[in-house]
C-alpha cells in the first residue's frame, strides 16, 4: 500500500513557484534568508484556539496556511513541496531511540490540495486528511526510491518542486540557541558555486513560545 501511495504522489504534474530568472542560478552564493516571529499572543491564539476549534494539528495549520499563501500569489490548485521531518516519531519506530540524539531525517514529497481554499474549514480538513494519509510520516519514501529504482526515476520526473517545508515543532530552544552560526573556517570551505537543492525553504520553529518562521531563498 505504501508503494502504491508514493507512486500516485510522484505521478502528479505540478506547477513550480516561478522565478525571475532562468534555471541554473541556484547556488550557495545567491542564498539569503528572512526571519519573522508572530509573537507569543498570536502563537497562542493560532495553536490553542485554532487547533482546538478544528481538531487538527499544528503541522496541519501551518501547511494549510502555506498552501493558501501560494494559491493567493499564483493561483495554484495544487502545490508540490518536499516535507522534511525529524524521523523521531516514537509511535512508528519499532526501536527504542530514547538514548539517541539527533534526527533520522525524512524528506518526502507532499501535495497541498488548495481546491477548497474558498472555505477555511473545508481547506483545513482537506489538508489534515491528506497529511494523515501519509504512510509512516514519510519515513518509507526513501526506501521506495530503491524499491524499483528504474521505475521510480521514470515516475519521479513528473513530480517537480523547488520548495522544502520543515516544521520542527516545539523545542526547548531559546533565542540565544535557536540559530547556530557556522565557524568561519568551515564556512569558507563551502563553495559558493555549490548548487542548492531547493530554491525556497520554509523552516518553522517554536522558540520561547513564539512561532518563528525562517524563509531561505535564492536571491536570483
N, C-alpha and C. Protein backbone atom coordinates (compact mmCIF):
# COMPACT_ATOMS: atom_id res chain seq x y z
N UNK A 1 0.82 -1.21 0.00
CA UNK A 1 0.00 0.00 0.00
C UNK A 1 0.86 1.27 0.00
N UNK A 2 1.95 1.24 0.75
CA UNK A 2 2.83 2.41 0.80
C UNK A 2 3.46 2.67 -0.56
N UNK A 3 3.87 1.60 -1.25
CA UNK A 3 4.48 1.76 -2.57
C UNK A 3 3.48 2.39 -3.53
N UNK A 4 2.25 1.93 -3.50
CA UNK A 4 1.22 2.50 -4.38
C UNK A 4 0.96 3.96 -4.05
N UNK A 5 0.99 4.30 -2.77
CA UNK A 5 0.78 5.69 -2.36
C UNK A 5 1.85 6.59 -2.97
N UNK A 6 3.13 6.20 -2.84
CA UNK A 6 4.21 7.04 -3.35
C UNK A 6 4.19 7.10 -4.88
N UNK A 7 3.80 6.02 -5.52
CA UNK A 7 3.67 6.05 -6.98
C UNK A 7 2.64 7.09 -7.40
N UNK A 8 1.51 7.14 -6.70
CA UNK A 8 0.46 8.11 -7.03
C UNK A 8 0.95 9.54 -6.82
N UNK A 9 1.71 9.76 -5.75
CA UNK A 9 2.18 11.11 -5.45
C UNK A 9 3.14 11.61 -6.52
N UNK A 10 4.13 10.79 -6.87
CA UNK A 10 5.16 11.27 -7.80
C UNK A 10 4.65 11.35 -9.23
N UNK A 11 3.47 10.80 -9.50
CA UNK A 11 2.92 10.86 -10.85
C UNK A 11 2.05 12.08 -11.10
N UNK A 12 2.07 13.05 -10.19
CA UNK A 12 1.29 14.27 -10.36
C UNK A 12 2.08 15.31 -11.13
N UNK A 13 1.44 15.93 -12.10
CA UNK A 13 2.04 17.05 -12.83
C UNK A 13 1.70 18.34 -12.10
N UNK A 14 2.72 19.06 -11.68
CA UNK A 14 2.51 20.23 -10.84
C UNK A 14 3.26 21.43 -11.39
N UNK A 15 2.72 22.60 -11.08
CA UNK A 15 3.43 23.84 -11.37
C UNK A 15 4.43 24.11 -10.25
N UNK A 16 5.55 24.71 -10.60
CA UNK A 16 6.50 25.14 -9.58
C UNK A 16 6.41 26.65 -9.42
N UNK A 17 6.80 27.13 -8.24
CA UNK A 17 6.77 28.57 -8.00
C UNK A 17 7.70 29.25 -8.99
N UNK A 18 7.19 30.21 -9.74
CA UNK A 18 8.01 30.83 -10.81
C UNK A 18 9.18 31.64 -10.26
N UNK A 19 10.18 31.82 -11.13
CA UNK A 19 11.39 32.56 -10.78
C UNK A 19 11.55 33.75 -11.74
N UNK A 20 12.32 34.72 -11.29
CA UNK A 20 12.55 35.91 -12.10
C UNK A 20 13.57 35.67 -13.21
N UNK A 21 14.44 34.68 -12.99
CA UNK A 21 15.48 34.39 -13.98
C UNK A 21 15.45 32.90 -14.30
N UNK A 22 16.06 32.48 -15.40
CA UNK A 22 16.03 31.06 -15.78
C UNK A 22 16.72 30.16 -14.77
N UNK A 23 16.72 28.86 -15.07
CA UNK A 23 17.36 27.87 -14.20
C UNK A 23 18.87 28.07 -14.18
N UNK A 24 19.53 27.18 -13.44
CA UNK A 24 20.99 27.18 -13.32
C UNK A 24 21.52 28.43 -12.61
N UNK A 25 20.71 28.97 -11.68
CA UNK A 25 21.18 30.12 -10.90
C UNK A 25 21.07 29.87 -9.40
N UNK A 26 20.78 28.64 -9.00
CA UNK A 26 20.55 28.35 -7.59
C UNK A 26 21.83 27.83 -6.95
N UNK A 27 22.67 28.76 -6.48
CA UNK A 27 23.93 28.39 -5.87
C UNK A 27 24.05 29.02 -4.48
N UNK A 28 24.94 28.48 -3.67
CA UNK A 28 25.12 28.98 -2.30
C UNK A 28 25.37 30.48 -2.25
N UNK A 29 26.11 30.98 -3.21
CA UNK A 29 26.48 32.39 -3.21
C UNK A 29 25.26 33.31 -3.32
N UNK A 30 24.14 32.77 -3.83
CA UNK A 30 22.94 33.57 -4.02
C UNK A 30 21.90 33.36 -2.92
N UNK A 31 22.27 32.63 -1.86
CA UNK A 31 21.31 32.30 -0.81
C UNK A 31 21.20 33.42 0.22
N UNK A 32 19.95 33.73 0.59
CA UNK A 32 19.68 34.72 1.63
C UNK A 32 18.52 34.21 2.48
N UNK A 33 18.21 34.91 3.57
CA UNK A 33 17.14 34.45 4.44
C UNK A 33 16.46 35.62 5.13
N UNK A 34 15.21 35.38 5.54
CA UNK A 34 14.43 36.36 6.28
C UNK A 34 13.77 35.63 7.45
N UNK A 35 13.82 36.23 8.63
CA UNK A 35 13.20 35.63 9.81
C UNK A 35 12.06 36.51 10.30
N UNK A 36 10.94 35.86 10.68
CA UNK A 36 9.78 36.59 11.17
C UNK A 36 9.14 35.82 12.31
N UNK A 37 8.83 36.52 13.40
CA UNK A 37 8.10 35.92 14.52
C UNK A 37 6.72 36.54 14.58
N UNK A 38 5.72 35.73 14.91
CA UNK A 38 4.36 36.26 15.01
C UNK A 38 4.01 36.66 16.45
N UNK A 39 4.95 36.51 17.37
CA UNK A 39 4.73 36.91 18.75
C UNK A 39 4.03 35.85 19.59
N UNK A 40 4.15 35.97 20.90
CA UNK A 40 3.60 34.95 21.80
C UNK A 40 2.07 34.92 21.77
N UNK A 41 1.44 36.09 21.74
CA UNK A 41 -0.03 36.12 21.76
C UNK A 41 -0.61 35.47 20.53
N UNK A 42 -0.11 35.84 19.35
CA UNK A 42 -0.62 35.25 18.11
C UNK A 42 -0.31 33.76 18.03
N UNK A 43 0.84 33.36 18.56
CA UNK A 43 1.18 31.93 18.58
C UNK A 43 0.18 31.15 19.42
N UNK A 44 -0.15 31.71 20.59
CA UNK A 44 -1.13 31.05 21.47
C UNK A 44 -2.50 30.99 20.82
N UNK A 45 -2.91 32.09 20.20
CA UNK A 45 -4.22 32.11 19.52
C UNK A 45 -4.26 31.10 18.38
N UNK A 46 -3.18 31.02 17.63
CA UNK A 46 -3.13 30.12 16.49
C UNK A 46 -3.21 28.66 16.91
N UNK A 47 -2.38 28.28 17.88
CA UNK A 47 -2.26 26.87 18.21
C UNK A 47 -3.32 26.39 19.19
N UNK A 48 -3.65 27.20 20.20
CA UNK A 48 -4.63 26.74 21.18
C UNK A 48 -6.05 26.87 20.64
N UNK A 49 -6.38 28.02 20.10
CA UNK A 49 -7.74 28.23 19.61
C UNK A 49 -7.95 27.57 18.26
N UNK A 50 -6.95 27.73 17.36
CA UNK A 50 -7.10 27.17 16.02
C UNK A 50 -7.15 25.66 16.02
N UNK A 51 -6.20 25.04 16.71
CA UNK A 51 -6.16 23.58 16.75
C UNK A 51 -7.39 23.01 17.45
N UNK A 52 -7.79 23.67 18.54
CA UNK A 52 -8.94 23.16 19.27
C UNK A 52 -10.24 23.31 18.51
N UNK A 53 -10.40 24.42 17.80
CA UNK A 53 -11.64 24.67 17.07
C UNK A 53 -11.85 23.67 15.96
N UNK A 54 -10.79 23.35 15.22
CA UNK A 54 -10.93 22.48 14.06
C UNK A 54 -10.44 21.06 14.30
N UNK A 55 -9.90 20.81 15.53
CA UNK A 55 -9.40 19.47 15.88
C UNK A 55 -8.35 18.97 14.90
N UNK A 56 -7.37 19.81 14.65
CA UNK A 56 -6.28 19.45 13.75
C UNK A 56 -4.96 19.77 14.45
N UNK A 57 -3.87 19.32 13.87
CA UNK A 57 -2.56 19.51 14.48
C UNK A 57 -1.94 20.84 14.07
N UNK A 58 -0.89 21.20 14.77
CA UNK A 58 -0.17 22.43 14.43
C UNK A 58 0.42 22.34 13.03
N UNK A 59 0.94 21.17 12.68
CA UNK A 59 1.50 20.99 11.35
C UNK A 59 0.43 21.19 10.28
N UNK A 60 -0.78 20.68 10.54
CA UNK A 60 -1.88 20.86 9.59
C UNK A 60 -2.14 22.34 9.33
N UNK A 61 -2.18 23.11 10.41
CA UNK A 61 -2.45 24.55 10.29
C UNK A 61 -1.41 25.25 9.43
N UNK A 62 -0.14 24.95 9.69
CA UNK A 62 0.94 25.66 9.01
C UNK A 62 1.03 25.27 7.53
N UNK A 63 0.85 23.99 7.23
CA UNK A 63 0.87 23.56 5.83
C UNK A 63 -0.32 24.16 5.08
N UNK A 64 -1.48 24.18 5.72
CA UNK A 64 -2.66 24.76 5.10
C UNK A 64 -2.45 26.25 4.82
N UNK A 65 -1.84 26.96 5.77
CA UNK A 65 -1.57 28.39 5.60
C UNK A 65 -0.61 28.63 4.44
N UNK A 66 0.41 27.80 4.34
CA UNK A 66 1.37 27.95 3.23
C UNK A 66 0.66 27.70 1.90
N UNK A 67 -0.21 26.70 1.85
CA UNK A 67 -0.96 26.43 0.63
C UNK A 67 -1.83 27.60 0.23
N UNK A 68 -2.49 28.23 1.20
CA UNK A 68 -3.32 29.40 0.91
C UNK A 68 -2.48 30.56 0.39
N UNK A 69 -1.29 30.75 0.97
CA UNK A 69 -0.41 31.84 0.52
C UNK A 69 0.01 31.63 -0.93
N UNK A 70 0.38 30.39 -1.28
CA UNK A 70 0.78 30.11 -2.66
C UNK A 70 -0.40 30.28 -3.61
N UNK A 71 -1.58 29.83 -3.18
CA UNK A 71 -2.77 29.98 -4.01
C UNK A 71 -3.11 31.44 -4.25
N UNK A 72 -2.96 32.26 -3.20
CA UNK A 72 -3.25 33.69 -3.33
C UNK A 72 -2.27 34.37 -4.29
N UNK A 73 -1.00 33.97 -4.22
CA UNK A 73 0.02 34.61 -5.06
C UNK A 73 -0.01 34.12 -6.51
N UNK A 74 -0.22 32.80 -6.69
CA UNK A 74 -0.03 32.21 -8.02
C UNK A 74 -1.25 31.49 -8.57
N UNK A 75 -2.28 31.30 -7.73
CA UNK A 75 -3.50 30.65 -8.19
C UNK A 75 -3.39 29.15 -8.36
N UNK A 76 -2.39 28.51 -7.75
CA UNK A 76 -2.22 27.06 -7.90
C UNK A 76 -3.29 26.30 -7.12
N UNK A 77 -3.96 25.37 -7.78
CA UNK A 77 -4.90 24.49 -7.09
C UNK A 77 -4.17 23.40 -6.33
N UNK A 78 -2.98 23.04 -6.81
CA UNK A 78 -2.14 22.07 -6.12
C UNK A 78 -0.73 22.63 -6.00
N UNK A 79 -0.14 22.47 -4.84
CA UNK A 79 1.21 22.94 -4.60
C UNK A 79 2.08 21.76 -4.15
N UNK A 80 3.12 21.48 -4.89
CA UNK A 80 4.02 20.39 -4.53
C UNK A 80 5.16 20.90 -3.67
N UNK A 81 5.39 20.23 -2.55
CA UNK A 81 6.50 20.58 -1.68
C UNK A 81 7.24 19.30 -1.29
N UNK A 82 8.46 19.48 -0.82
CA UNK A 82 9.16 18.39 -0.15
C UNK A 82 9.09 18.67 1.34
N UNK A 83 8.58 17.72 2.07
CA UNK A 83 8.40 17.86 3.51
C UNK A 83 9.56 17.19 4.22
N UNK A 84 10.20 17.93 5.12
CA UNK A 84 11.29 17.37 5.89
C UNK A 84 10.82 17.13 7.32
N UNK A 85 11.03 15.91 7.81
CA UNK A 85 10.67 15.57 9.17
C UNK A 85 11.88 15.11 9.95
N UNK A 86 11.74 15.08 11.28
CA UNK A 86 12.88 14.68 12.11
C UNK A 86 12.99 13.17 12.27
N UNK A 87 11.95 12.42 11.92
CA UNK A 87 12.01 10.97 11.92
C UNK A 87 12.09 10.33 13.29
N UNK A 88 11.71 11.07 14.33
CA UNK A 88 11.81 10.53 15.68
C UNK A 88 10.44 10.21 16.26
N UNK A 89 9.47 9.95 15.41
CA UNK A 89 8.13 9.64 15.87
C UNK A 89 8.13 8.26 16.54
N UNK A 90 8.02 8.26 17.85
CA UNK A 90 8.16 7.02 18.61
C UNK A 90 7.11 5.99 18.24
N UNK A 91 5.91 6.47 17.85
CA UNK A 91 4.83 5.54 17.61
C UNK A 91 5.00 4.73 16.33
N UNK A 92 5.91 5.16 15.44
CA UNK A 92 6.08 4.43 14.19
C UNK A 92 7.46 3.80 14.06
N UNK A 93 8.31 4.00 15.06
CA UNK A 93 9.64 3.39 15.03
C UNK A 93 9.65 2.21 16.00
N UNK A 94 9.88 1.03 15.50
CA UNK A 94 9.85 -0.18 16.32
C UNK A 94 11.21 -0.41 16.97
N UNK A 95 11.72 0.63 17.59
CA UNK A 95 13.00 0.54 18.29
C UNK A 95 13.02 1.58 19.41
N UNK A 96 13.82 1.33 20.41
CA UNK A 96 13.98 2.28 21.50
C UNK A 96 15.06 3.28 21.11
N UNK A 97 14.64 4.51 20.83
CA UNK A 97 15.60 5.54 20.42
C UNK A 97 15.78 6.59 21.52
N UNK A 98 15.35 6.27 22.73
CA UNK A 98 15.38 7.25 23.81
C UNK A 98 16.81 7.63 24.20
N UNK A 99 17.79 6.79 23.89
CA UNK A 99 19.18 7.07 24.25
C UNK A 99 19.99 7.56 23.04
N UNK A 100 19.27 7.99 22.03
CA UNK A 100 19.95 8.53 20.84
C UNK A 100 19.75 10.03 20.77
N UNK A 101 20.59 10.69 20.01
CA UNK A 101 20.45 12.12 19.78
C UNK A 101 20.40 12.38 18.28
N UNK A 102 19.96 13.57 17.93
CA UNK A 102 19.93 13.94 16.52
C UNK A 102 18.65 13.50 15.84
N UNK A 103 18.63 13.66 14.52
CA UNK A 103 17.45 13.37 13.72
C UNK A 103 17.71 12.18 12.81
N UNK A 104 16.62 11.47 12.49
CA UNK A 104 16.63 10.47 11.43
C UNK A 104 15.86 11.09 10.26
N UNK A 105 16.51 12.04 9.61
CA UNK A 105 15.81 12.89 8.65
C UNK A 105 15.03 12.11 7.60
N UNK A 106 13.81 12.55 7.38
CA UNK A 106 12.99 12.00 6.31
C UNK A 106 12.54 13.16 5.44
N UNK A 107 12.75 13.04 4.15
CA UNK A 107 12.31 14.05 3.19
C UNK A 107 11.41 13.35 2.18
N UNK A 108 10.21 13.85 2.01
CA UNK A 108 9.26 13.18 1.12
C UNK A 108 8.38 14.20 0.42
N UNK A 109 7.87 13.86 -0.75
CA UNK A 109 7.01 14.78 -1.49
C UNK A 109 5.60 14.80 -0.92
N UNK A 110 5.00 15.96 -0.95
CA UNK A 110 3.62 16.11 -0.48
C UNK A 110 2.91 17.13 -1.37
N UNK A 111 1.65 16.88 -1.64
CA UNK A 111 0.87 17.77 -2.49
C UNK A 111 -0.16 18.49 -1.63
N UNK A 112 -0.06 19.81 -1.57
CA UNK A 112 -1.05 20.62 -0.85
C UNK A 112 -2.22 20.87 -1.79
N UNK A 113 -3.37 20.35 -1.43
CA UNK A 113 -4.58 20.50 -2.25
C UNK A 113 -5.30 21.78 -1.85
N UNK A 114 -5.28 22.77 -2.74
CA UNK A 114 -5.91 24.06 -2.45
C UNK A 114 -7.30 24.19 -3.05
N UNK A 115 -7.90 23.08 -3.46
CA UNK A 115 -9.20 23.14 -4.16
C UNK A 115 -10.31 23.69 -3.27
N UNK A 116 -10.15 23.57 -1.93
CA UNK A 116 -11.17 24.07 -1.01
C UNK A 116 -10.77 25.39 -0.36
N UNK A 117 -9.91 26.16 -1.05
CA UNK A 117 -9.35 27.36 -0.43
C UNK A 117 -10.39 28.42 -0.10
N UNK A 118 -11.54 28.39 -0.76
CA UNK A 118 -12.56 29.40 -0.53
C UNK A 118 -13.23 29.23 0.84
N UNK A 119 -13.19 28.02 1.39
CA UNK A 119 -13.80 27.75 2.69
C UNK A 119 -12.70 27.26 3.63
N UNK A 120 -12.38 28.07 4.64
CA UNK A 120 -11.25 27.77 5.51
C UNK A 120 -11.42 26.44 6.24
N UNK A 121 -12.60 26.17 6.75
CA UNK A 121 -12.83 24.93 7.48
C UNK A 121 -12.62 23.72 6.59
N UNK A 122 -13.17 23.76 5.38
CA UNK A 122 -13.01 22.64 4.45
C UNK A 122 -11.55 22.48 4.01
N UNK A 123 -10.87 23.62 3.83
CA UNK A 123 -9.47 23.57 3.43
C UNK A 123 -8.62 22.90 4.50
N UNK A 124 -8.84 23.27 5.76
CA UNK A 124 -8.09 22.69 6.86
C UNK A 124 -8.36 21.19 6.98
N UNK A 125 -9.61 20.80 6.82
CA UNK A 125 -9.96 19.38 6.91
C UNK A 125 -9.31 18.59 5.77
N UNK A 126 -9.26 19.18 4.57
CA UNK A 126 -8.63 18.52 3.43
C UNK A 126 -7.15 18.28 3.68
N UNK A 127 -6.46 19.33 4.15
CA UNK A 127 -5.02 19.22 4.41
C UNK A 127 -4.76 18.22 5.53
N UNK A 128 -5.55 18.29 6.60
CA UNK A 128 -5.36 17.38 7.73
C UNK A 128 -5.56 15.93 7.29
N UNK A 129 -6.57 15.70 6.45
CA UNK A 129 -6.81 14.35 5.96
C UNK A 129 -5.69 13.84 5.08
N UNK A 130 -5.18 14.71 4.21
CA UNK A 130 -4.09 14.31 3.31
C UNK A 130 -2.81 14.03 4.09
N UNK A 131 -2.50 14.86 5.08
CA UNK A 131 -1.30 14.62 5.89
C UNK A 131 -1.45 13.34 6.72
N UNK A 132 -2.66 13.09 7.18
CA UNK A 132 -2.89 11.88 7.95
C UNK A 132 -2.76 10.61 7.13
N UNK A 133 -2.90 10.74 5.81
CA UNK A 133 -2.79 9.57 4.93
C UNK A 133 -1.36 9.25 4.51
N UNK A 134 -0.41 10.12 4.86
CA UNK A 134 0.99 9.86 4.50
C UNK A 134 1.49 8.66 5.30
N UNK A 135 1.93 7.59 4.66
CA UNK A 135 2.36 6.39 5.40
C UNK A 135 3.58 6.67 6.27
N UNK A 136 3.48 6.35 7.55
CA UNK A 136 4.61 6.43 8.48
C UNK A 136 5.29 7.79 8.47
N UNK A 137 4.50 8.85 8.32
CA UNK A 137 5.06 10.21 8.29
C UNK A 137 6.18 10.37 7.26
N UNK A 138 6.09 9.62 6.18
CA UNK A 138 7.04 9.78 5.09
C UNK A 138 8.33 9.01 5.24
N UNK A 139 8.50 8.26 6.32
CA UNK A 139 9.76 7.56 6.54
C UNK A 139 10.05 6.53 5.45
N UNK A 140 9.01 5.97 4.83
CA UNK A 140 9.22 4.93 3.83
C UNK A 140 9.56 5.42 2.45
N UNK A 141 9.47 6.74 2.22
CA UNK A 141 9.69 7.25 0.87
C UNK A 141 11.12 6.97 0.39
N UNK A 142 12.08 7.15 1.26
CA UNK A 142 13.48 6.90 0.87
C UNK A 142 13.67 5.44 0.46
N UNK A 143 12.97 4.53 1.15
CA UNK A 143 13.05 3.12 0.78
C UNK A 143 12.41 2.89 -0.58
N UNK A 144 11.28 3.56 -0.82
CA UNK A 144 10.58 3.39 -2.09
C UNK A 144 11.47 3.78 -3.27
N UNK A 145 12.31 4.77 -3.08
CA UNK A 145 13.18 5.21 -4.17
C UNK A 145 14.06 4.07 -4.69
N UNK A 146 14.37 3.12 -3.81
CA UNK A 146 15.23 2.00 -4.20
C UNK A 146 14.45 0.70 -4.40
N UNK A 147 13.14 0.77 -4.16
CA UNK A 147 12.30 -0.43 -4.31
C UNK A 147 12.31 -0.90 -5.76
N UNK A 148 12.13 0.04 -6.65
CA UNK A 148 12.23 -0.25 -8.08
C UNK A 148 12.86 0.99 -8.70
N UNK A 149 14.18 1.06 -8.65
CA UNK A 149 14.89 2.30 -8.96
C UNK A 149 14.60 2.82 -10.36
N UNK A 150 14.56 1.93 -11.35
CA UNK A 150 14.34 2.36 -12.72
C UNK A 150 12.95 2.96 -12.87
N UNK A 151 11.94 2.28 -12.33
CA UNK A 151 10.58 2.79 -12.43
C UNK A 151 10.42 4.08 -11.64
N UNK A 152 11.08 4.15 -10.49
CA UNK A 152 10.99 5.36 -9.68
C UNK A 152 11.52 6.57 -10.45
N UNK A 153 12.66 6.42 -11.08
CA UNK A 153 13.24 7.53 -11.82
C UNK A 153 12.32 7.99 -12.94
N UNK A 154 11.65 7.03 -13.59
CA UNK A 154 10.72 7.40 -14.66
C UNK A 154 9.52 8.16 -14.09
N UNK A 155 8.97 7.65 -12.98
CA UNK A 155 7.79 8.28 -12.39
C UNK A 155 8.13 9.64 -11.78
N UNK A 156 9.29 9.72 -11.16
CA UNK A 156 9.61 10.91 -10.38
C UNK A 156 9.85 12.14 -11.25
N UNK A 157 9.99 11.96 -12.55
CA UNK A 157 10.20 13.12 -13.42
C UNK A 157 9.01 14.07 -13.40
N UNK A 158 7.82 13.56 -13.13
CA UNK A 158 6.64 14.40 -13.19
C UNK A 158 6.44 15.19 -11.90
N UNK A 159 7.01 14.74 -10.77
CA UNK A 159 6.88 15.50 -9.53
C UNK A 159 8.08 16.41 -9.40
N UNK A 160 7.84 17.68 -9.60
CA UNK A 160 8.91 18.67 -9.55
C UNK A 160 8.52 19.74 -8.53
N UNK A 161 9.37 19.96 -7.57
CA UNK A 161 9.13 21.02 -6.60
C UNK A 161 10.46 21.65 -6.21
N UNK A 162 10.47 22.95 -6.08
CA UNK A 162 11.67 23.66 -5.65
C UNK A 162 11.52 24.20 -4.23
N UNK A 163 10.58 23.60 -3.47
CA UNK A 163 10.25 24.09 -2.12
C UNK A 163 10.46 22.98 -1.09
N UNK A 164 11.14 23.33 0.01
CA UNK A 164 11.26 22.44 1.16
C UNK A 164 10.53 23.08 2.33
N UNK A 165 9.69 22.28 3.00
CA UNK A 165 8.92 22.77 4.15
C UNK A 165 9.30 21.95 5.37
N UNK A 166 9.66 22.62 6.46
CA UNK A 166 10.10 21.91 7.66
C UNK A 166 9.53 22.60 8.89
N UNK A 167 8.59 21.90 9.55
CA UNK A 167 8.09 22.38 10.84
C UNK A 167 8.72 21.53 11.92
N UNK A 168 9.58 22.13 12.72
CA UNK A 168 10.33 21.38 13.72
C UNK A 168 9.55 21.16 15.00
N UNK A 169 8.42 21.86 15.14
CA UNK A 169 7.61 21.69 16.33
C UNK A 169 8.14 22.47 17.50
N UNK A 170 7.63 22.13 18.68
CA UNK A 170 8.05 22.83 19.90
C UNK A 170 9.38 22.26 20.38
N UNK A 171 10.31 23.15 20.63
CA UNK A 171 11.62 22.74 21.12
C UNK A 171 11.94 23.52 22.39
N UNK A 172 13.01 23.14 23.05
CA UNK A 172 13.46 23.86 24.25
C UNK A 172 14.51 24.91 23.91
N UNK A 173 14.54 25.32 22.64
CA UNK A 173 15.49 26.33 22.22
C UNK A 173 15.12 27.69 22.80
N UNK A 174 16.12 28.51 23.01
CA UNK A 174 15.92 29.90 23.39
C UNK A 174 16.41 30.78 22.24
N UNK A 175 16.19 32.06 22.38
CA UNK A 175 16.67 32.97 21.34
C UNK A 175 18.18 32.87 21.17
N UNK A 176 18.87 32.61 22.26
CA UNK A 176 20.33 32.56 22.21
C UNK A 176 20.83 31.31 21.49
N UNK A 177 20.02 30.23 21.52
CA UNK A 177 20.49 28.97 20.94
C UNK A 177 19.70 28.55 19.71
N UNK A 178 18.71 29.35 19.29
CA UNK A 178 17.85 28.94 18.18
C UNK A 178 18.60 28.90 16.86
N UNK A 179 19.50 29.84 16.66
CA UNK A 179 20.25 29.90 15.41
C UNK A 179 21.72 29.61 15.68
N UNK A 180 22.22 28.61 15.02
CA UNK A 180 23.61 28.23 15.20
C UNK A 180 24.45 28.83 14.07
N UNK A 181 25.55 29.43 14.41
CA UNK A 181 26.42 30.01 13.40
C UNK A 181 27.47 28.99 12.98
N UNK A 182 27.88 29.07 11.74
CA UNK A 182 28.90 28.17 11.20
C UNK A 182 30.27 28.81 11.39
N UNK A 183 31.20 28.05 11.92
CA UNK A 183 32.55 28.56 12.11
C UNK A 183 33.08 29.12 10.81
N UNK A 184 33.76 30.27 10.89
CA UNK A 184 34.23 30.96 9.69
C UNK A 184 35.13 30.07 8.84
N UNK A 185 35.98 29.29 9.51
CA UNK A 185 36.88 28.42 8.77
C UNK A 185 36.11 27.36 7.98
N UNK A 186 35.05 26.81 8.62
CA UNK A 186 34.22 25.83 7.94
C UNK A 186 33.43 26.49 6.81
N UNK A 187 32.88 27.68 7.11
CA UNK A 187 32.08 28.40 6.12
C UNK A 187 32.89 28.71 4.87
N UNK A 188 34.15 29.09 5.06
CA UNK A 188 34.99 29.42 3.91
C UNK A 188 35.28 28.19 3.05
N UNK A 189 35.12 27.00 3.65
CA UNK A 189 35.37 25.78 2.90
C UNK A 189 34.19 25.32 2.06
N UNK A 190 33.03 25.98 2.22
CA UNK A 190 31.84 25.64 1.44
C UNK A 190 31.81 26.53 0.21
N UNK A 191 31.90 25.93 -0.93
CA UNK A 191 31.99 26.69 -2.17
C UNK A 191 30.70 27.44 -2.46
N UNK A 192 30.85 28.69 -2.87
CA UNK A 192 29.69 29.46 -3.30
C UNK A 192 29.10 28.93 -4.58
N UNK A 193 29.86 28.09 -5.28
CA UNK A 193 29.37 27.51 -6.54
C UNK A 193 28.60 26.21 -6.32
N UNK A 194 28.46 25.82 -5.06
CA UNK A 194 27.71 24.59 -4.77
C UNK A 194 26.22 24.83 -5.04
N UNK A 195 25.62 23.93 -5.79
CA UNK A 195 24.22 24.08 -6.17
C UNK A 195 23.30 23.74 -5.00
N UNK A 196 22.28 24.56 -4.81
CA UNK A 196 21.29 24.31 -3.79
C UNK A 196 20.18 23.41 -4.35
N UNK A 197 19.76 22.43 -3.53
CA UNK A 197 18.70 21.52 -3.97
C UNK A 197 17.36 22.22 -4.04
N UNK A 198 17.09 23.14 -3.11
CA UNK A 198 15.80 23.82 -3.05
C UNK A 198 16.00 25.32 -3.20
N UNK A 199 15.12 25.94 -3.95
CA UNK A 199 15.22 27.39 -4.17
C UNK A 199 14.46 28.18 -3.12
N UNK A 200 13.56 27.50 -2.40
CA UNK A 200 12.83 28.14 -1.31
C UNK A 200 12.68 27.13 -0.18
N UNK A 201 13.13 27.52 1.02
CA UNK A 201 12.99 26.65 2.19
C UNK A 201 12.23 27.40 3.27
N UNK A 202 11.18 26.78 3.77
CA UNK A 202 10.37 27.35 4.84
C UNK A 202 10.64 26.52 6.09
N UNK A 203 11.31 27.12 7.06
CA UNK A 203 11.73 26.41 8.28
C UNK A 203 11.07 27.09 9.47
N UNK A 204 10.27 26.33 10.22
CA UNK A 204 9.46 26.91 11.29
C UNK A 204 9.80 26.25 12.62
N UNK A 205 10.03 27.08 13.63
CA UNK A 205 10.30 26.63 15.00
C UNK A 205 9.35 27.31 15.96
N UNK A 206 9.16 26.70 17.12
CA UNK A 206 8.55 27.41 18.25
C UNK A 206 9.65 27.67 19.26
N UNK A 207 10.01 28.92 19.40
CA UNK A 207 11.12 29.32 20.27
C UNK A 207 10.58 30.23 21.36
N UNK A 208 10.74 29.80 22.61
CA UNK A 208 10.24 30.57 23.75
C UNK A 208 8.78 30.93 23.56
N UNK A 209 7.98 29.95 23.16
CA UNK A 209 6.52 30.09 22.98
C UNK A 209 6.15 31.05 21.85
N UNK A 210 7.09 31.34 20.97
CA UNK A 210 6.79 32.14 19.79
C UNK A 210 7.04 31.33 18.53
N UNK A 211 6.16 31.49 17.57
CA UNK A 211 6.36 30.85 16.28
C UNK A 211 7.34 31.69 15.46
N UNK A 212 8.45 31.08 15.09
CA UNK A 212 9.49 31.79 14.34
C UNK A 212 9.61 31.12 12.96
N UNK A 213 9.46 31.94 11.93
CA UNK A 213 9.48 31.44 10.55
C UNK A 213 10.74 31.95 9.86
N UNK A 214 11.52 31.03 9.32
CA UNK A 214 12.70 31.39 8.54
C UNK A 214 12.44 31.04 7.07
N UNK A 215 12.58 32.00 6.21
CA UNK A 215 12.46 31.79 4.77
C UNK A 215 13.85 31.89 4.17
N UNK A 216 14.34 30.78 3.66
CA UNK A 216 15.65 30.76 2.99
C UNK A 216 15.38 30.69 1.50
N UNK A 217 15.96 31.62 0.76
CA UNK A 217 15.59 31.73 -0.66
C UNK A 217 16.79 32.08 -1.53
N UNK A 218 16.59 31.92 -2.80
CA UNK A 218 17.61 32.23 -3.79
C UNK A 218 17.38 33.66 -4.28
N UNK A 219 18.34 34.54 -4.06
CA UNK A 219 18.18 35.94 -4.43
C UNK A 219 17.97 36.13 -5.93
N UNK A 220 18.42 35.16 -6.71
CA UNK A 220 18.25 35.26 -8.16
C UNK A 220 16.84 34.85 -8.58
